[in-house]
Structures are given as C-alpha cells and as structure tokens.
C-alpha cells in the first residue's frame, strides 16, 4: 500500500494542468495507445476465435467427431453396440469410404466416395441441411445414386439426374490391379462452404459402396459425441472400450493442420498487437522521465521535509499506474463493446463506405464472426497491466535517487 501522501501527490500530478504542452501530449498519447492496443487485441482475437468456430462447424458438418477403423476383418455390429454404450456418445453409424476417380466426359476429378446410412437421422442431419438440390432419402439401396458437392458439380458440369462414372481401384484375385468402372446417377447437390467437402466428397448409400470398400479396407464407424469439444477425451474412452484391433481417430487429429495453423496465427497476431501496448508503455516511461526532470524542485522539497526515497518513488509509481491502468480499463471496455457488436458494426461500415470486406466471389465466409472468450480478455488485461506497471519502475527509481542539494543548488 502507498502512503497517503504519495497517493495524494501522485494523483495531483495526474490532474495537474501542466504548462509543458509536450509532456501533456505524451501523457494522453500514452493513455490512448494503451487503450487502442488492448481494444485491438480483444477484437482481433475475438474475430479469429469466431473464424475458428466457423471453420470447426463447417468441418464437422459432414464429418463425425471420431471415426473407428480396423486393418483386419472385424464384427462392426458388435463394435457399434460397444461404442454406443460409452457415456457421452450420442450416435454411432457404419460407413464405407474409398478413393475414386469421378469421370464425366471429358472431365475427371479425384473424389472420396463415402457410403452412409440415410436412416441414421442423428448422424446425417447436417447433410440434409446442406442439400441445395435433391433429398437425402433419394439414396435408396441398389439404385446407385449419389449426392455430390457443389464444387464437384461445377467442375464436372453436373446437375440432378445426370450420370457420373466412378473409376474405383480394386485388386484382382492374382494380386494385379483391376480398376472397376461403375455408373451412378446424381440425386442431389450439397454445399457447406468448404473446399475440402464441396470439392471432394460424394455420398451414396452404404450398401452401394460397401462392396468396393470391403476390398480396400475402407469400412468403419463414425461416432458423434454430446459435445465436439470433448472429442479427444471421449475418444480415449471409446478406444478403451474396444479391442486393440480397432483404431480410433477424433476430429482434432484428422484436422490438426487447420487448427495448428490458426493457433500459430493467433499467437503471432497477439504478439504483434501487444507491441502497440509496448510502444505506449515506452511513451509512459518517456513521459514520467520528463515529469521527474520537471519536478526536481518538488522532489527536493519533499526530501528536505523528511520524505524518504521510497515515498518519492511511490509518487511517480502512482502517477504512472493511474495513466497506464486507466488506458487498460478503457481499452478492455472498448474492446468488449466492439467484439460483442461486430455483426452490427461491420454491415454499417459496408453500407456507409460502399464496400464489402469479405467478397463472396473470393471467400466462402462472407460475414465476420466474433466469439468473445472471457479467459482471453482476462489474459490480455493482465498482460497489459503488467506491461504498463513495469514501465513506471525506471522513472520512479530515478526520482528516488534525486539529490536534494543538487536540485536546489541554483534555486
């Protein structure tokens, strides 16, 4: 705790109308710099969190929270019963998946042909929502119908009712490669706004794909949990409930590269924006050094009346902390306000200045999402408080070392 005299004098210096314009300007510039830096950190990280959530939702819209595969012949029905019995598992459904070459003369496109059970409503509800042509129940076993992504449809020039030939790599009895050609009918088109799905995935009924997948070892189970964020922990429980012949992969492993890149970008962006606060902290150092130089006579008088060096130091610590921490508090308030109203502010700016930040011709995501996470706000606030607090140490020590006789020699 500061001595009342130190607190009183320090607050007086903050409120005082100095005759030195430059010192006053640096003071307000430091406060504004801290405020802008903290607010920018909160807003940018909230927007990046929003994009991360958007990416996760789109990745999981047609993917399971976890998948179970095996390199040997296993009883998938028994495995499904064991998986459904694990606490936290919402649904489990069999699937079959193979790599194939989609051919629609004269174009060809590598795709992933995935067989699903349309009757598993809990598992395929996202696919139903993503359909822009056709219906999910058009996938009838034995009819060789497929649902294709919007990008696949555009690149191959397909629409509902067109035929599409798949070249599926298979192995003959003698071990030699024996590609198989099979014709399917386009029963629908889906779009989720993600290249990895719209440009590569093709869905068909499980029974129509299972024959090919059995030969290539492409069968397995897709698993959905009550919460996608609990997938790593719950995948471990599923792994423990199954024999060692099964392998379990959760979505954080399948899409690790995406989210690793986002984490790196968020870290680098935070460090870069934190430099704004650092520059403002250096301004506080410069401002306090000039104040100490300007107040040498006041310091000498305080020392002459018996004020110890520590008390003098606390005077300037008080002044610096009030300026720095006031900037931090204003920045946190401004950042939270902006982050919570991004969906209102961005459209207003686009209408006012007649431009679009996320052009639909370039980006899949045209709206700027925001996800304000309070732990991030607390972390940013604490980091800014510590940074501004460290900025007052040198000027305060310099004030405490001022010699009274030296300061009053020419007074």
Protein backbone atom coordinates (compact mmCIF):
# COMPACT_ATOMS: atom_id res chain seq x y z
CA UNK A 1 0.00 0.00 0.00
CA UNK A 2 1.20 3.53 -0.83
CA UNK A 3 1.50 6.10 1.91
CA UNK A 4 -1.42 8.60 1.73
CA UNK A 5 1.00 11.44 0.94
CA UNK A 6 2.41 9.54 -2.04
CA UNK A 7 -1.07 8.76 -3.28
CA UNK A 8 -2.24 12.35 -2.82
CA UNK A 9 0.74 13.92 -4.61
CA UNK A 10 0.70 11.31 -7.39
CA UNK A 11 -2.98 11.93 -8.13
CA UNK A 12 -2.34 15.69 -8.02
CA UNK A 13 0.31 15.30 -10.70
CA UNK A 14 -2.14 13.33 -12.86
CA UNK A 15 -4.82 16.03 -12.59
CA UNK A 16 -2.45 19.00 -12.82
CA UNK A 17 -2.63 21.25 -15.90
CA UNK A 18 0.99 21.35 -16.93
CA UNK A 19 2.38 24.34 -18.79
CA UNK A 20 4.52 21.99 -20.85
CA UNK A 21 2.36 21.01 -23.81
CA UNK A 22 4.67 18.20 -24.97
CA UNK A 23 4.54 16.39 -21.63
CA UNK A 24 0.74 16.65 -21.60
CA UNK A 25 0.54 15.40 -25.18
CA UNK A 26 2.75 12.40 -24.41
CA UNK A 27 0.55 11.61 -21.41
CA UNK A 28 -2.65 11.50 -23.46
CA UNK A 29 -0.90 9.70 -26.32
CA UNK A 30 0.31 7.01 -23.90
CA UNK A 31 -3.16 6.54 -22.47
CA UNK A 32 -4.71 6.39 -25.94
CA UNK A 33 -2.02 3.97 -27.15
CA UNK A 34 -2.66 1.56 -24.31
CA UNK A 35 -6.42 1.83 -24.87
CA UNK A 36 -6.21 1.20 -28.63
CA UNK A 37 -3.71 -1.64 -28.24
CA UNK A 38 -5.80 -3.51 -25.68
CA UNK A 39 -9.03 -2.96 -27.63
CA UNK A 40 -7.39 -4.15 -30.88
CA UNK A 41 -6.10 -7.28 -29.15
CA UNK A 42 -9.53 -8.17 -27.79
CA UNK A 43 -11.35 -7.52 -31.08
CA UNK A 44 -8.83 -9.30 -33.33
CA UNK A 45 -8.60 -12.39 -31.11
CA UNK A 46 -12.41 -12.49 -30.83
CA UNK A 47 -12.74 -12.38 -34.62
CA UNK A 48 -10.11 -15.10 -35.02
CA UNK A 49 -11.95 -17.20 -32.43
CA UNK A 50 -15.10 -16.65 -34.46
CA UNK A 51 -13.41 -17.83 -37.65
CA UNK A 52 -12.05 -20.85 -35.77
CA UNK A 53 -15.56 -21.74 -34.60
CA UNK A 54 -16.92 -21.24 -38.12
CA UNK A 55 -14.23 -23.48 -39.59
CA UNK A 56 -14.86 -26.14 -36.96
CA UNK A 57 -18.60 -26.10 -37.61
CA UNK A 58 -18.08 -26.44 -41.35
CA UNK A 59 -15.51 -29.20 -40.99
CA UNK A 60 -17.80 -31.16 -38.69
CA UNK A 61 -20.93 -30.51 -40.74
CA UNK A 62 -20.22 -33.58 -42.88
CA UNK A 63 -17.65 -35.28 -40.67
CA UNK A 64 -18.02 -37.24 -37.47
CA UNK A 65 -16.50 -36.29 -34.12
CA UNK A 66 -14.48 -39.51 -34.32
CA UNK A 67 -14.01 -42.44 -36.65
CA UNK A 68 -13.12 -46.04 -35.96
CA UNK A 69 -11.22 -48.17 -38.47
CA UNK A 70 -9.57 -51.56 -38.48
CA UNK A 71 -6.96 -53.17 -40.72
CA UNK A 72 -8.42 -56.65 -40.22
CA UNK A 73 -11.83 -58.31 -40.53
CA UNK A 74 -13.93 -57.39 -37.50
CA UNK A 75 -17.54 -57.50 -36.34
CA UNK A 76 -18.72 -53.94 -36.86
CA UNK A 77 -22.15 -54.60 -35.36
CA UNK A 78 -20.59 -55.69 -32.08
CA UNK A 79 -18.24 -52.70 -32.17
CA UNK A 80 -21.18 -50.36 -32.73
CA UNK A 81 -23.01 -51.75 -29.69
CA UNK A 82 -19.87 -51.32 -27.55
CA UNK A 83 -19.38 -47.74 -28.74
CA UNK A 84 -23.00 -46.71 -28.11
CA UNK A 85 -22.66 -47.96 -24.52
CA UNK A 86 -19.86 -45.49 -23.77
CA UNK A 87 -21.11 -42.48 -21.72
CA UNK A 88 -21.06 -39.28 -23.76
CA UNK A 89 -21.61 -40.98 -27.13
CA UNK A 90 -24.64 -39.54 -28.89
CA UNK A 91 -24.67 -41.70 -32.01
CA UNK A 92 -22.63 -44.19 -34.00
CA UNK A 93 -23.16 -45.28 -37.58
CA UNK A 94 -21.32 -47.53 -40.04
CA UNK A 95 -19.75 -46.07 -43.14
CA UNK A 96 -17.71 -47.19 -46.12
CA UNK A 97 -15.21 -44.96 -47.88
CA UNK A 98 -12.93 -45.30 -50.89
CA UNK A 99 -10.83 -43.10 -53.13
CA UNK A 100 -12.24 -42.93 -56.64
CA UNK A 101 -11.94 -41.01 -59.88
CA UNK A 102 -15.16 -39.28 -60.95
CA UNK A 103 -15.48 -39.21 -64.74
CA UNK A 104 -17.93 -37.09 -66.72
CA UNK A 105 -16.59 -36.84 -70.24
CA UNK A 106 -14.32 -35.09 -70.92
CA UNK A 107 -13.52 -34.13 -67.30
CA UNK A 108 -12.17 -36.22 -64.43
CA UNK A 109 -11.84 -35.41 -60.73
CA UNK A 110 -10.43 -37.37 -57.77
CA UNK A 111 -13.08 -37.70 -55.06
CA UNK A 112 -13.85 -39.59 -51.87
CA UNK A 113 -16.87 -41.88 -52.31
CA UNK A 114 -18.49 -42.35 -48.92
CA UNK A 115 -21.31 -44.77 -48.21
CA UNK A 116 -23.71 -43.75 -45.43
CA UNK A 117 -26.96 -44.94 -43.90
CA UNK A 118 -29.62 -42.28 -44.68
CA UNK A 119 -31.86 -43.67 -41.95
CA UNK A 120 -29.37 -42.65 -39.24
CA UNK A 121 -31.08 -39.30 -38.73
CA UNK A 122 -28.93 -38.14 -35.82
CA UNK A 123 -25.80 -38.71 -37.88
CA UNK A 124 -26.94 -37.30 -41.23
CA UNK A 125 -28.99 -34.29 -40.13
CA UNK A 126 -26.24 -31.85 -41.18
CA UNK A 127 -26.11 -33.36 -44.66
CA UNK A 128 -29.86 -32.84 -45.03
CA UNK A 129 -29.46 -29.16 -44.14
CA UNK A 130 -26.59 -28.74 -46.62
CA UNK A 131 -28.54 -30.05 -49.62
CA UNK A 132 -29.38 -27.39 -52.20
CA UNK A 133 -30.77 -29.89 -54.71
CA UNK A 134 -32.42 -33.24 -54.08
CA UNK A 135 -33.23 -35.02 -50.83
CA UNK A 136 -31.34 -37.37 -48.54
CA UNK A 137 -33.95 -40.12 -48.81
CA UNK A 138 -33.19 -40.29 -52.56
CA UNK A 139 -30.30 -42.56 -51.57
CA UNK A 140 -32.09 -45.90 -51.97
CA UNK A 141 -30.02 -49.11 -51.81
CA UNK A 142 -29.49 -50.75 -55.19
CA UNK A 143 -30.27 -47.61 -57.22
CA UNK A 144 -26.63 -46.36 -57.46
CA UNK A 145 -27.47 -42.75 -56.65
CA UNK A 146 -25.05 -40.17 -55.27
CA UNK A 147 -25.06 -36.75 -53.64
CA UNK A 148 -22.20 -34.57 -54.88
CA UNK A 149 -20.63 -31.35 -53.62
CA UNK A 150 -21.37 -28.03 -55.27
CA UNK A 151 -17.75 -27.61 -56.41
CA UNK A 152 -17.73 -31.12 -57.93
CA UNK A 153 -20.96 -30.30 -59.77
CA UNK A 154 -19.49 -27.09 -61.17
CA UNK A 155 -16.18 -28.62 -62.22
CA UNK A 156 -17.79 -31.61 -63.93
CA UNK A 157 -20.83 -29.73 -65.23
CA UNK A 158 -23.37 -31.91 -63.42
CA UNK A 159 -26.88 -31.40 -62.15
CA UNK A 160 -29.60 -33.59 -60.67
CA UNK A 161 -30.43 -36.53 -62.95
CA UNK A 162 -27.07 -36.63 -64.76
CA UNK A 163 -24.97 -39.80 -64.81
CA UNK A 164 -21.50 -39.96 -63.29
CA UNK A 165 -18.97 -42.74 -63.77
CA UNK A 166 -16.59 -43.76 -60.99
CA UNK A 167 -13.30 -45.49 -61.60
CA UNK A 168 -12.61 -47.46 -58.43
CA UNK A 169 -9.20 -49.09 -57.85
CA UNK A 170 -9.59 -52.75 -56.91
CA UNK A 171 -7.28 -55.76 -56.70
CA UNK A 172 -7.85 -58.92 -58.76
CA UNK A 173 -7.55 -62.43 -57.32
CA UNK A 174 -4.00 -62.75 -58.66
CA UNK A 175 -2.97 -59.53 -56.88
CA UNK A 176 -2.88 -57.42 -60.03
CA UNK A 177 -4.66 -54.03 -60.08
CA UNK A 178 -8.08 -54.24 -61.71
CA UNK A 179 -9.84 -50.88 -61.92
CA UNK A 180 -13.63 -51.10 -61.86
CA UNK A 181 -15.96 -48.72 -63.65
CA UNK A 182 -19.39 -48.08 -62.20
CA UNK A 183 -22.07 -45.61 -63.23
CA UNK A 184 -24.10 -43.62 -60.71
CA UNK A 185 -26.92 -41.09 -61.02
CA UNK A 186 -26.71 -37.68 -59.40
CA UNK A 187 -29.60 -37.46 -56.91
CA UNK A 188 -28.67 -34.18 -55.23
CA UNK A 189 -26.11 -31.46 -54.66
CA UNK A 190 -24.91 -30.14 -51.30
CA UNK A 191 -22.88 -27.10 -50.25
CA UNK A 192 -21.32 -26.36 -46.86
CA UNK A 193 -18.93 -23.62 -47.97
CA UNK A 194 -15.70 -25.58 -47.53
CA UNK A 195 -13.48 -26.73 -50.38
CA UNK A 196 -12.46 -29.94 -48.59
CA UNK A 197 -16.10 -31.06 -48.53
CA UNK A 198 -17.73 -29.44 -51.55
CA UNK A 199 -14.84 -30.32 -53.86
CA UNK A 200 -14.02 -33.88 -52.78
CA UNK A 201 -16.91 -35.64 -51.01
CA UNK A 202 -19.51 -37.77 -52.79
CA UNK A 203 -22.17 -39.62 -50.77
CA UNK A 204 -24.01 -42.79 -51.73
CA UNK A 205 -25.96 -45.45 -49.88
CA UNK A 206 -23.86 -47.66 -47.64
CA UNK A 207 -24.90 -50.86 -49.42
CA UNK A 208 -23.89 -49.48 -52.84
CA UNK A 209 -20.37 -48.61 -51.67
CA UNK A 210 -19.71 -51.39 -49.16
CA UNK A 211 -18.64 -53.95 -51.78
CA UNK A 212 -15.79 -51.77 -53.03
CA UNK A 213 -14.81 -50.61 -49.56
CA UNK A 214 -14.61 -54.14 -48.20
CA UNK A 215 -11.93 -54.97 -50.75
CA UNK A 216 -9.87 -51.87 -49.90
CA UNK A 217 -10.40 -51.96 -46.14
CA UNK A 218 -12.43 -48.78 -46.17
CA UNK A 219 -15.19 -49.72 -43.74
CA UNK A 220 -15.58 -48.29 -40.26
CA UNK A 221 -17.76 -46.47 -37.76
CA UNK A 222 -18.46 -42.78 -37.43
CA UNK A 223 -19.10 -41.56 -33.89
CA UNK A 224 -20.79 -38.39 -32.61
CA UNK A 225 -20.42 -37.18 -29.02
CA UNK A 226 -22.64 -34.91 -26.95
CA UNK A 227 -20.05 -32.15 -27.39
CA UNK A 228 -17.50 -31.86 -30.20
CA UNK A 229 -15.06 -30.13 -27.83
CA UNK A 230 -14.99 -33.23 -25.61
CA UNK A 231 -13.97 -35.45 -28.54
CA UNK A 232 -10.30 -36.03 -27.51
CA UNK A 233 -11.27 -37.21 -24.01
CA UNK A 234 -14.27 -39.26 -25.11
CA UNK A 235 -12.31 -40.83 -27.97
CA UNK A 236 -9.96 -42.20 -25.34
CA UNK A 237 -12.91 -43.84 -23.55
CA UNK A 238 -14.13 -45.33 -26.82
CA UNK A 239 -10.62 -46.63 -27.51
CA UNK A 240 -10.55 -48.29 -24.09
CA UNK A 241 -13.94 -49.97 -24.72
CA UNK A 242 -12.76 -51.67 -27.92
CA UNK A 243 -10.17 -54.37 -28.58
CA UNK A 244 -6.72 -53.37 -29.78
CA UNK A 245 -7.58 -54.31 -33.37
CA UNK A 246 -9.58 -51.07 -33.68
CA UNK A 247 -8.08 -47.63 -34.21
CA UNK A 248 -9.91 -44.50 -33.05
CA UNK A 249 -9.23 -41.03 -34.50
CA UNK A 250 -11.04 -37.90 -33.31
CA UNK A 251 -11.62 -34.79 -35.42
CA UNK A 252 -8.78 -32.87 -33.76
CA UNK A 253 -6.36 -35.45 -35.19
CA UNK A 254 -7.94 -35.57 -38.65
CA UNK A 255 -7.94 -31.77 -38.99
CA UNK A 256 -4.91 -30.98 -36.82
CA UNK A 257 -3.15 -28.94 -39.53
CA UNK A 258 -6.04 -26.45 -39.81
CA UNK A 259 -6.23 -25.66 -36.13
CA UNK A 260 -2.46 -25.70 -35.63
CA UNK A 261 -2.22 -23.01 -38.29
CA UNK A 262 -4.95 -20.97 -36.58
CA UNK A 263 -3.21 -21.24 -33.20
CA UNK A 264 0.07 -20.07 -34.72
CA UNK A 265 -1.68 -17.15 -36.43
CA UNK A 266 -3.47 -16.16 -33.20
CA UNK A 267 -0.22 -16.30 -31.23
CA UNK A 268 1.70 -14.21 -33.76
CA UNK A 269 -1.17 -11.72 -34.10
CA UNK A 270 -1.32 -11.33 -30.30
CA UNK A 271 2.43 -10.72 -30.09
CA UNK A 272 2.32 -8.17 -32.92
CA UNK A 273 -0.62 -6.27 -31.44
CA UNK A 274 0.97 -6.41 -27.99
CA UNK A 275 3.73 -4.26 -29.48
CA UNK A 276 1.18 -1.42 -29.63
CA UNK A 277 0.82 -1.64 -25.86
CA UNK A 278 4.61 -1.90 -25.53
CA UNK A 279 5.09 1.32 -27.53
CA UNK A 280 2.52 3.04 -25.33
CA UNK A 281 4.39 1.75 -22.26
CA UNK A 282 7.61 3.29 -23.59
CA UNK A 283 5.70 6.55 -24.00
CA UNK A 284 4.76 6.32 -20.33
CA UNK A 285 8.45 5.88 -19.50
CA UNK A 286 9.37 8.95 -21.57
CA UNK A 287 6.54 10.99 -20.06
CA UNK A 288 7.47 10.11 -16.48
CA UNK A 289 11.16 10.82 -17.08
CA UNK A 290 10.23 14.30 -18.31
CA UNK A 291 7.92 14.79 -15.33
CA UNK A 292 10.68 13.73 -12.95
CA UNK A 293 13.04 16.23 -14.59
CA UNK A 294 10.37 18.94 -14.41
CA UNK A 295 9.58 18.17 -10.74
CA UNK A 296 13.15 18.04 -9.43
CA UNK A 297 12.49 21.04 -7.20
CA UNK A 298 9.33 19.47 -5.79
CA UNK A 299 11.20 16.23 -5.14
CA UNK A 300 13.99 18.11 -3.35
CA UNK A 301 11.47 19.96 -1.15
CA UNK A 302 9.74 16.70 -0.21
CA UNK A 303 13.09 15.16 0.66
CA UNK A 304 14.05 18.24 2.70
CA UNK A 305 10.85 17.91 4.77
CA UNK A 306 11.83 14.32 5.56
CA UNK A 307 10.14 12.24 2.86
CA UNK A 308 12.17 9.04 2.36
CA UNK A 309 13.24 7.96 -1.18
CA UNK A 310 10.63 5.19 -1.19
CA UNK A 311 7.85 7.71 -0.64
CA UNK A 312 9.09 9.85 -3.51
CA UNK A 313 9.27 6.77 -5.72
CA UNK A 314 5.67 5.88 -4.85
CA UNK A 315 4.51 9.33 -6.01
CA UNK A 316 5.58 8.63 -9.59
CA UNK A 317 4.51 4.99 -9.45
CA UNK A 318 1.04 6.26 -8.58
CA UNK A 319 1.05 8.70 -11.49
CA UNK A 320 2.25 6.10 -13.99
CA UNK A 321 -0.14 3.39 -12.82
CA UNK A 322 -3.14 5.69 -12.96
CA UNK A 323 -2.35 6.65 -16.56
CA UNK A 324 -1.45 3.11 -17.69
CA UNK A 325 -4.20 1.25 -15.90
CA UNK A 326 -6.84 3.78 -16.90
CA UNK A 327 -5.82 3.13 -20.51
CA UNK A 328 -6.08 -0.62 -19.94
CA UNK A 329 -9.57 -0.36 -18.40
CA UNK A 330 -10.80 1.89 -21.21
CA UNK A 331 -9.27 -0.48 -23.77
CA UNK A 332 -10.95 -3.52 -22.21
CA UNK A 333 -14.31 -1.74 -22.17
CA UNK A 334 -13.91 -0.57 -25.78
CA UNK A 335 -12.69 -3.97 -26.98
CA UNK A 336 -15.57 -5.85 -25.34
CA UNK A 337 -18.09 -3.41 -26.78
CA UNK A 338 -16.67 -3.74 -30.31
CA UNK A 339 -16.28 -7.53 -30.11
CA UNK A 340 -19.89 -8.01 -28.99
CA UNK A 341 -21.20 -5.78 -31.79
CA UNK A 342 -19.07 -6.84 -34.78
CA UNK A 343 -22.18 -8.18 -36.54
CA UNK A 344 -23.69 -4.67 -36.34
CA UNK A 345 -20.60 -2.53 -36.90
CA UNK A 346 -19.27 -4.33 -39.99
CA UNK A 347 -22.53 -4.14 -42.03
CA UNK A 348 -22.85 -0.46 -41.05
CA UNK A 349 -19.34 0.28 -42.33
CA UNK A 350 -20.00 -1.68 -45.53
CA UNK A 351 -23.21 0.27 -46.19
CA UNK A 352 -21.64 3.62 -45.31
CA UNK A 353 -18.46 3.28 -47.39
CA UNK A 354 -19.99 1.03 -50.08
CA UNK A 355 -17.52 -1.85 -49.98
CA UNK A 356 -17.57 -5.47 -48.87
CA UNK A 357 -14.88 -6.71 -46.51
CA UNK A 358 -15.35 -10.42 -47.32
CA UNK A 359 -16.21 -10.63 -51.02
CA UNK A 360 -18.41 -13.65 -51.78
CA UNK A 361 -16.53 -14.17 -55.06
CA UNK A 362 -13.32 -14.78 -53.10
CA UNK A 363 -14.30 -16.09 -49.66
CA UNK A 364 -16.66 -18.83 -48.53
CA UNK A 365 -17.35 -16.90 -45.32
CA UNK A 366 -18.85 -13.50 -46.15
CA UNK A 367 -19.74 -12.40 -42.63
CA UNK A 368 -17.15 -11.61 -39.98
CA UNK A 369 -17.89 -13.78 -36.93
CA UNK A 370 -16.86 -12.90 -33.39
CA UNK A 371 -16.52 -15.13 -30.34
CA UNK A 372 -15.59 -13.17 -27.21
CA UNK A 373 -13.88 -15.53 -24.78
CA UNK A 374 -13.56 -14.14 -21.27
CA UNK A 375 -10.34 -16.04 -20.42
CA UNK A 376 -8.69 -14.26 -23.37
CA UNK A 377 -9.98 -10.90 -22.14
CA UNK A 378 -8.59 -11.55 -18.67
CA UNK A 379 -5.25 -12.69 -20.11
CA UNK A 380 -4.96 -9.58 -22.32
CA UNK A 381 -5.93 -7.28 -19.44
CA UNK A 382 -3.43 -8.84 -17.03
CA UNK A 383 -0.63 -8.74 -19.63
CA UNK A 384 -1.32 -5.06 -20.36
CA UNK A 385 -1.46 -4.22 -16.63
CA UNK A 386 1.89 -5.91 -16.01
CA UNK A 387 3.47 -4.26 -19.04
CA UNK A 388 2.34 -0.77 -18.04
CA UNK A 389 3.30 -1.40 -14.41
CA UNK A 390 6.83 -2.36 -15.43
CA UNK A 391 7.10 0.91 -17.39
CA UNK A 392 6.95 3.08 -14.24
CA UNK A 393 9.81 1.38 -12.39
CA UNK A 394 12.76 3.19 -14.01
CA UNK A 395 11.35 6.76 -13.79
CA UNK A 396 10.30 6.14 -10.15
CA UNK A 397 13.78 4.90 -9.24
CA UNK A 398 15.29 7.91 -10.98
CA UNK A 399 13.07 10.23 -8.94
CA UNK A 400 14.05 8.48 -5.69
CA UNK A 401 17.76 8.98 -6.46
CA UNK A 402 17.40 12.74 -6.92
CA UNK A 403 19.77 14.53 -4.51
CA UNK A 404 18.02 17.47 -2.70
CA UNK A 405 21.17 19.62 -2.51
CA UNK A 406 21.89 19.15 -6.22
CA UNK A 407 18.31 20.01 -7.20
CA UNK A 408 18.14 23.15 -5.01
CA UNK A 409 21.62 24.47 -5.72
CA UNK A 410 20.51 27.10 -8.23
CA UNK A 411 17.04 27.78 -6.80
